[in-house]
Amino acid sequence: MSRRRLVIIGAGGFGREVAEIARLLRPDTELGFVDDDPHDEAARLMDEKGARDLGAARTWQPDEADTCVIAIGDPRARALLAAALRARGAAFDVLVHPDATVARSATLHPGVIVAPGVRVSADVVLGQHVHLDQNATVGHDTTIGAYSRLNPAACLSGAVAVGEGAYVGAAAVVLQGLTIGAECVIGAGAVVVRDVEPGTTVKGVPAR
């Protein structure tokens, strides 16, 4: 049987952060990366982290022993890639940095990436391929739909419902019990005090 390998989809800044997380969690696991057009410097830095270049994402065929994570910030791009890779038989992993705190009652679906300093409270559900970047906070009973992303220091209070493909900017705050519709964009530093309709971009304090 082939040796188990973790493959990172994307060699940008977040991809390199994910490579660091993977190396901390699984120092003996073989790492690879795929990217359709990696810059030379990005490829060099991934190589320094022990991740071997496996070619383009659009043509990469997973081995039966591979698992992968999609380290691309844009929710729509991530959703498209996930569908394409799933059709090729890809198996998706979950990575949680050892400096993150995730409640035992939380549910993390395949493809989730949790960066250092993140705090996930009780009975939270993270959908497929959700990204929680550094120091984000997710309150109790919150549900985050597939492909959504919380940027650094974003804060969701308790019982927030986030639809698929939402993007919550750095240091944004969503108050308790609110609903953030699918494919919403919450601007950096915004304070959301009311529900946000699907596909809407809001910013400011209070967010409009």
C-alpha atoms as a PDB file:
ATOM      1  CA  MET A   1       0.000   0.000   0.000  1.00  0.00           C
ATOM      2  CA  SER A   2       1.212   3.531  -0.802  1.00  0.00           C
ATOM      3  CA  ARG A   3       2.497   5.735   1.992  1.00  0.00           C
ATOM      4  CA  ARG A   4      -0.121   8.156   3.308  1.00  0.00           C
ATOM      5  CA  ARG A   5       0.323  11.677   1.924  1.00  0.00           C
ATOM      6  CA  LEU A   6      -1.337  15.014   2.689  1.00  0.00           C
ATOM      7  CA  VAL A   7      -1.738  17.284  -0.322  1.00  0.00           C
ATOM      8  CA  ILE A   8      -2.313  21.028   0.019  1.00  0.00           C
ATOM      9  CA  ILE A   9      -4.297  22.637  -2.784  1.00  0.00           C
ATOM     10  CA  GLY A  10      -2.831  26.102  -3.295  1.00  0.00           C
ATOM     11  CA  ALA A  11       0.673  27.494  -2.731  1.00  0.00           C
ATOM     12  CA  GLY A  12      -0.211  31.081  -1.815  1.00  0.00           C
ATOM     13  CA  GLY A  13       0.199  32.659   1.598  1.00  0.00           C
ATOM     14  CA  PHE A  14      -2.551  30.631   3.213  1.00  0.00           C
ATOM     15  CA  GLY A  15      -1.245  27.477   1.568  1.00  0.00           C
ATOM     16  CA  ARG A  16       2.114  28.040   3.219  1.00  0.00           C
ATOM     17  CA  GLU A  17       0.405  28.647   6.581  1.00  0.00           C
ATOM     18  CA  VAL A  18      -1.449  25.369   6.134  1.00  0.00           C
ATOM     19  CA  ALA A  19       1.823  23.596   5.318  1.00  0.00           C
ATOM     20  CA  GLU A  20       3.169  24.819   8.668  1.00  0.00           C
ATOM     21  CA  ILE A  21       0.073  23.503  10.460  1.00  0.00           C
ATOM     22  CA  ALA A  22       0.365  20.153   8.698  1.00  0.00           C
ATOM     23  CA  ARG A  23       4.036  19.823   9.556  1.00  0.00           C
ATOM     24  CA  LEU A  24       3.318  20.532  13.235  1.00  0.00           C
ATOM     25  CA  LEU A  25       0.487  18.025  13.387  1.00  0.00           C
ATOM     26  CA  ARG A  26       2.067  15.264  11.324  1.00  0.00           C
ATOM     27  CA  PRO A  27       5.827  15.613  11.220  1.00  0.00           C
ATOM     28  CA  ASP A  28       6.304  12.196   9.632  1.00  0.00           C
ATOM     29  CA  THR A  29       3.612  12.499   6.952  1.00  0.00           C
ATOM     30  CA  GLU A  30       4.648  13.133   3.364  1.00  0.00           C
ATOM     31  CA  LEU A  31       3.460  16.566   2.171  1.00  0.00           C
ATOM     32  CA  GLY A  32       2.704  17.649  -1.368  1.00  0.00           C
ATOM     33  CA  PHE A  33       1.073  20.652  -2.991  1.00  0.00           C
ATOM     34  CA  VAL A  34      -0.676  21.420  -6.241  1.00  0.00           C
ATOM     35  CA  ASP A  35      -1.240  24.840  -7.793  1.00  0.00           C
ATOM     36  CA  ASP A  36      -2.214  25.805 -11.334  1.00  0.00           C
ATOM     37  CA  ASP A  37       0.279  28.671 -11.518  1.00  0.00           C
ATOM     38  CA  PRO A  38       2.564  28.915  -8.489  1.00  0.00           C
ATOM     39  CA  HIS A  39       5.067  31.759  -8.348  1.00  0.00           C
ATOM     40  CA  ASP A  40       8.685  30.574  -8.196  1.00  0.00           C
ATOM     41  CA  GLU A  41       9.111  32.037  -4.717  1.00  0.00           C
ATOM     42  CA  ALA A  42       5.926  30.363  -3.454  1.00  0.00           C
ATOM     43  CA  ALA A  43       7.075  27.012  -4.820  1.00  0.00           C
ATOM     44  CA  ARG A  44      10.491  27.496  -3.210  1.00  0.00           C
ATOM     45  CA  LEU A  45       8.941  28.291   0.169  1.00  0.00           C
ATOM     46  CA  MET A  46       6.639  25.276  -0.015  1.00  0.00           C
ATOM     47  CA  ASP A  47       9.657  23.118  -0.818  1.00  0.00           C
ATOM     48  CA  GLU A  48      11.419  24.502   2.266  1.00  0.00           C
ATOM     49  CA  LYS A  49       8.447  23.309   4.337  1.00  0.00           C
ATOM     50  CA  GLY A  50       8.853  19.825   2.921  1.00  0.00           C
ATOM     51  CA  ALA A  51       5.906  19.968   0.498  1.00  0.00           C
ATOM     52  CA  ARG A  52       6.723  18.481  -2.902  1.00  0.00           C
ATOM     53  CA  ASP A  53       5.330  20.053  -6.084  1.00  0.00           C
ATOM     54  CA  LEU A  54       2.800  17.614  -7.582  1.00  0.00           C
ATOM     55  CA  GLY A  55       1.765  19.783 -10.527  1.00  0.00           C
ATOM     56  CA  ALA A  56      -1.417  21.632 -11.469  1.00  0.00           C
ATOM     57  CA  ALA A  57      -4.638  21.406  -9.478  1.00  0.00           C
ATOM     58  CA  ARG A  58      -6.675  21.127 -12.669  1.00  0.00           C
ATOM     59  CA  THR A  59      -4.914  17.883 -13.670  1.00  0.00           C
ATOM     60  CA  TRP A  60      -3.777  16.327 -10.385  1.00  0.00           C
ATOM     61  CA  GLN A  61      -5.167  12.853  -9.789  1.00  0.00           C
ATOM     62  CA  PRO A  62      -5.272  11.794  -6.124  1.00  0.00           C
ATOM     63  CA  ASP A  63      -3.691   8.529  -5.105  1.00  0.00           C
ATOM     64  CA  GLU A  64      -5.805   6.190  -3.006  1.00  0.00           C
ATOM     65  CA  ALA A  65      -3.600   6.934   0.019  1.00  0.00           C
ATOM     66  CA  ASP A  66      -3.850  10.734  -0.366  1.00  0.00           C
ATOM     67  CA  THR A  67      -5.907  13.124   1.683  1.00  0.00           C
ATOM     68  CA  CYS A  68      -6.080  16.811   0.842  1.00  0.00           C
ATOM     69  CA  VAL A  69      -7.168  20.231   2.043  1.00  0.00           C
ATOM     70  CA  ILE A  70      -7.981  23.271  -0.088  1.00  0.00           C
ATOM     71  CA  ALA A  71      -5.931  26.239   1.107  1.00  0.00           C
ATOM     72  CA  ILE A  72      -7.549  28.885  -1.085  1.00  0.00           C
ATOM     73  CA  GLY A  73      -9.338  31.747   0.619  1.00  0.00           C
ATOM     74  CA  ASP A  74     -12.017  32.570  -1.956  1.00  0.00           C
ATOM     75  CA  PRO A  75     -15.163  30.566  -1.065  1.00  0.00           C
ATOM     76  CA  ARG A  76     -16.429  30.218  -4.649  1.00  0.00           C
ATOM     77  CA  ALA A  77     -13.078  29.017  -5.942  1.00  0.00           C
ATOM     78  CA  ARG A  78     -12.873  26.562  -3.060  1.00  0.00           C
ATOM     79  CA  ALA A  79     -16.339  25.189  -3.804  1.00  0.00           C
ATOM     80  CA  LEU A  80     -15.512  24.663  -7.485  1.00  0.00           C
ATOM     81  CA  LEU A  81     -12.233  22.954  -6.663  1.00  0.00           C
ATOM     82  CA  ALA A  82     -13.869  20.739  -4.065  1.00  0.00           C
ATOM     83  CA  ALA A  83     -16.439  19.545  -6.608  1.00  0.00           C
ATOM     84  CA  ALA A  84     -13.780  18.837  -9.226  1.00  0.00           C
ATOM     85  CA  LEU A  85     -11.548  16.982  -6.782  1.00  0.00           C
ATOM     86  CA  ARG A  86     -14.450  15.014  -5.356  1.00  0.00           C
ATOM     87  CA  ALA A  87     -15.258  13.819  -8.873  1.00  0.00           C
ATOM     88  CA  ARG A  88     -11.677  12.489  -9.101  1.00  0.00           C
ATOM     89  CA  GLY A  89     -12.089  10.552  -5.880  1.00  0.00           C
ATOM     90  CA  ALA A  90     -10.284  12.932  -3.502  1.00  0.00           C
ATOM     91  CA  ALA A  91     -10.591  12.382   0.242  1.00  0.00           C
ATOM     92  CA  PHE A  92     -10.598  15.564   2.332  1.00  0.00           C
ATOM     93  CA  ASP A  93      -8.801  15.929   5.639  1.00  0.00           C
ATOM     94  CA  VAL A  94      -9.342  18.165   8.698  1.00  0.00           C
ATOM     95  CA  LEU A  95      -6.482  20.247  10.133  1.00  0.00           C
ATOM     96  CA  VAL A  96      -6.679  21.923  13.553  1.00  0.00           C
ATOM     97  CA  HIS A  97      -3.627  23.807  14.789  1.00  0.00           C
ATOM     98  CA  PRO A  98      -2.499  22.602  18.235  1.00  0.00           C
ATOM     99  CA  ASP A  99      -2.839  26.151  19.579  1.00  0.00           C
ATOM    100  CA  ALA A 100      -6.553  26.254  18.667  1.00  0.00           C
ATOM    101  CA  THR A 101      -9.292  25.308  21.144  1.00  0.00           C
ATOM    102  CA  VAL A 102     -12.181  23.290  19.750  1.00  0.00           C
ATOM    103  CA  ALA A 103     -14.959  22.069  22.061  1.00  0.00           C
ATOM    104  CA  ARG A 104     -15.461  18.315  22.167  1.00  0.00           C
ATOM    105  CA  SER A 105     -19.105  18.845  21.227  1.00  0.00           C
ATOM    106  CA  ALA A 106     -18.224  20.735  18.041  1.00  0.00           C
ATOM    107  CA  THR A 107     -18.664  19.033  14.668  1.00  0.00           C
ATOM    108  CA  LEU A 108     -16.028  19.550  11.969  1.00  0.00           C
ATOM    109  CA  HIS A 109     -16.803  18.295   8.481  1.00  0.00           C
ATOM    110  CA  PRO A 110     -14.186  17.225   5.912  1.00  0.00           C
ATOM    111  CA  GLY A 111     -11.923  19.944   4.542  1.00  0.00           C
ATOM    112  CA  VAL A 112     -12.102  22.206   7.603  1.00  0.00           C
ATOM    113  CA  ILE A 113      -8.930  24.159   8.448  1.00  0.00           C
ATOM    114  CA  VAL A 114      -8.537  25.774  11.887  1.00  0.00           C
ATOM    115  CA  ALA A 115      -5.578  28.140  12.318  1.00  0.00           C
ATOM    116  CA  PRO A 116      -3.647  29.000  15.507  1.00  0.00           C
ATOM    117  CA  GLY A 117      -5.427  30.911  18.260  1.00  0.00           C
ATOM    118  CA  VAL A 118      -8.926  30.027  17.070  1.00  0.00           C
ATOM    119  CA  ARG A 119     -11.572  29.343  19.725  1.00  0.00           C
ATOM    120  CA  VAL A 120     -14.583  27.167  18.848  1.00  0.00           C
ATOM    121  CA  SER A 121     -17.182  26.808  21.590  1.00  0.00           C
ATOM    122  CA  ALA A 122     -19.795  24.209  22.467  1.00  0.00           C
ATOM    123  CA  ASP A 123     -22.105  22.590  19.916  1.00  0.00           C
ATOM    124  CA  VAL A 124     -20.717  24.473  16.938  1.00  0.00           C
ATOM    125  CA  VAL A 125     -21.049  22.937  13.465  1.00  0.00           C
ATOM    126  CA  LEU A 126     -18.448  23.737  10.799  1.00  0.00           C
ATOM    127  CA  GLY A 127     -19.508  22.697   7.296  1.00  0.00           C
ATOM    128  CA  GLN A 128     -17.263  21.212   4.643  1.00  0.00           C
ATOM    129  CA  HIS A 129     -14.163  23.241   3.703  1.00  0.00           C
ATOM    130  CA  VAL A 130     -14.765  26.010   6.244  1.00  0.00           C
ATOM    131  CA  HIS A 131     -11.683  28.093   7.067  1.00  0.00           C
ATOM    132  CA  LEU A 132     -11.195  29.714  10.464  1.00  0.00           C
ATOM    133  CA  ASP A 133      -8.124  31.938  10.267  1.00  0.00           C
ATOM    134  CA  GLN A 134      -5.913  33.069  13.133  1.00  0.00           C
ATOM    135  CA  ASN A 135      -7.599  34.073  16.414  1.00  0.00           C
ATOM    136  CA  ALA A 136     -11.153  33.834  15.086  1.00  0.00           C
ATOM    137  CA  THR A 137     -13.812  33.105  17.726  1.00  0.00           C
ATOM    138  CA  VAL A 138     -16.981  31.068  17.202  1.00  0.00           C
ATOM    139  CA  GLY A 139     -19.588  31.129  19.979  1.00  0.00           C
ATOM    140  CA  HIS A 140     -21.779  28.286  21.181  1.00  0.00           C
ATOM    141  CA  ASP A 141     -24.475  26.770  18.955  1.00  0.00           C
ATOM    142  CA  THR A 142     -23.209  28.530  15.853  1.00  0.00           C
ATOM    143  CA  THR A 143     -23.475  26.856  12.463  1.00  0.00           C
ATOM    144  CA  ILE A 144     -21.142  27.853   9.618  1.00  0.00           C
ATOM    145  CA  GLY A 145     -22.095  26.667   6.145  1.00  0.00           C
ATOM    146  CA  ALA A 146     -19.744  24.937   3.722  1.00  0.00           C
ATOM    147  CA  TYR A 147     -16.924  26.937   2.073  1.00  0.00           C
ATOM    148  CA  SER A 148     -17.325  29.930   4.391  1.00  0.00           C
ATOM    149  CA  ARG A 149     -14.309  31.730   5.793  1.00  0.00           C
ATOM    150  CA  LEU A 150     -13.590  33.754   8.922  1.00  0.00           C
ATOM    151  CA  ASN A 151     -10.561  36.009   8.549  1.00  0.00           C
ATOM    152  CA  PRO A 152      -8.206  36.726  11.466  1.00  0.00           C
ATOM    153  CA  ALA A 153      -9.840  37.846  14.731  1.00  0.00           C
ATOM    154  CA  ALA A 154     -13.394  37.656  13.365  1.00  0.00           C
ATOM    155  CA  CYS A 155     -15.925  36.960  16.119  1.00  0.00           C
ATOM    156  CA  LEU A 156     -19.274  35.182  15.843  1.00  0.00           C
ATOM    157  CA  SER A 157     -21.297  35.377  19.052  1.00  0.00           C
ATOM    158  CA  GLY A 158     -23.492  32.488  20.183  1.00  0.00           C
ATOM    159  CA  ALA A 159     -26.177  30.887  18.005  1.00  0.00           C
ATOM    160  CA  VAL A 160     -25.174  32.621  14.771  1.00  0.00           C
ATOM    161  CA  ALA A 161     -26.212  30.928  11.523  1.00  0.00           C
ATOM    162  CA  VAL A 162     -23.870  31.473   8.586  1.00  0.00           C
ATOM    163  CA  GLY A 163     -24.894  30.314   5.110  1.00  0.00           C
ATOM    164  CA  GLU A 164     -22.664  28.616   2.566  1.00  0.00           C
ATOM    165  CA  GLY A 165     -19.843  30.544   0.972  1.00  0.00           C
ATOM    166  CA  ALA A 166     -19.901  33.541   3.321  1.00  0.00           C
ATOM    167  CA  TYR A 167     -16.775  35.637   3.890  1.00  0.00           C
ATOM    168  CA  VAL A 168     -16.318  37.387   7.245  1.00  0.00           C
ATOM    169  CA  GLY A 169     -13.552  39.997   7.253  1.00  0.00           C
ATOM    170  CA  ALA A 170     -10.789  40.469   9.786  1.00  0.00           C
ATOM    171  CA  ALA A 171     -11.929  41.654  13.226  1.00  0.00           C
ATOM    172  CA  ALA A 172     -15.597  41.736  12.182  1.00  0.00           C
ATOM    173  CA  VAL A 173     -18.157  40.986  14.902  1.00  0.00           C
ATOM    174  CA  VAL A 174     -21.553  39.313  14.446  1.00  0.00           C
ATOM    175  CA  LEU A 175     -23.902  39.635  17.426  1.00  0.00           C
ATOM    176  CA  GLN A 176     -25.721  36.731  19.009  1.00  0.00           C
ATOM    177  CA  GLY A 177     -28.549  34.908  17.280  1.00  0.00           C
ATOM    178  CA  LEU A 178     -28.190  36.565  13.866  1.00  0.00           C
ATOM    179  CA  THR A 179     -28.314  34.969  10.426  1.00  0.00           C
ATOM    180  CA  ILE A 180     -25.681  35.679   7.767  1.00  0.00           C
ATOM    181  CA  GLY A 181     -26.988  34.585   4.386  1.00  0.00           C
ATOM    182  CA  ALA A 182     -25.170  32.484   1.832  1.00  0.00           C
ATOM    183  CA  GLU A 183     -22.344  34.195  -0.095  1.00  0.00           C
ATOM    184  CA  CYS A 184     -22.440  37.313   2.081  1.00  0.00           C
ATOM    185  CA  VAL A 185     -19.346  39.449   2.559  1.00  0.00           C
ATOM    186  CA  ILE A 186     -18.849  41.100   5.943  1.00  0.00           C
ATOM    187  CA  GLY A 187     -16.255  43.872   5.756  1.00  0.00           C
ATOM    188  CA  ALA A 188     -13.219  44.007   7.988  1.00  0.00           C
ATOM    189  CA  GLY A 189     -13.992  45.559  11.368  1.00  0.00           C
ATOM    190  CA  ALA A 190     -17.746  45.585  10.783  1.00  0.00           C
ATOM    191  CA  VAL A 191     -20.217  45.102  13.629  1.00  0.00           C
ATOM    192  CA  VAL A 192     -23.278  43.197  12.424  1.00  0.00           C
ATOM    193  CA  VAL A 193     -26.367  43.969  14.497  1.00  0.00           C
ATOM    194  CA  ARG A 194     -29.107  42.569  12.225  1.00  0.00           C
ATOM    195  CA  ASP A 195     -29.606  39.659   9.827  1.00  0.00           C
ATOM    196  CA  VAL A 196     -27.815  39.913   6.471  1.00  0.00           C
ATOM    197  CA  GLU A 197     -29.595  38.799   3.298  1.00  0.00           C
ATOM    198  CA  PRO A 198     -27.891  36.255   1.009  1.00  0.00           C
ATOM    199  CA  GLY A 199     -25.377  37.685  -1.444  1.00  0.00           C
ATOM    200  CA  THR A 200     -25.126  41.015   0.393  1.00  0.00           C
ATOM    201  CA  THR A 201     -21.960  42.954   1.246  1.00  0.00           C
ATOM    202  CA  VAL A 202     -22.071  44.976   4.469  1.00  0.00           C
ATOM    203  CA  LYS A 203     -19.459  47.070   6.261  1.00  0.00           C
ATOM    204  CA  GLY A 204     -19.093  49.658   8.981  1.00  0.00           C
ATOM    205  CA  VAL A 205     -20.324  50.125  12.548  1.00  0.00           C
ATOM    206  CA  PRO A 206     -23.118  49.205  12.623  1.00  0.00           C
ATOM    207  CA  ALA A 207     -22.814  47.210   9.404  1.00  0.00           C
ATOM    208  CA  ARG A 208     -24.965  48.356   6.490  1.00  0.00           C
END
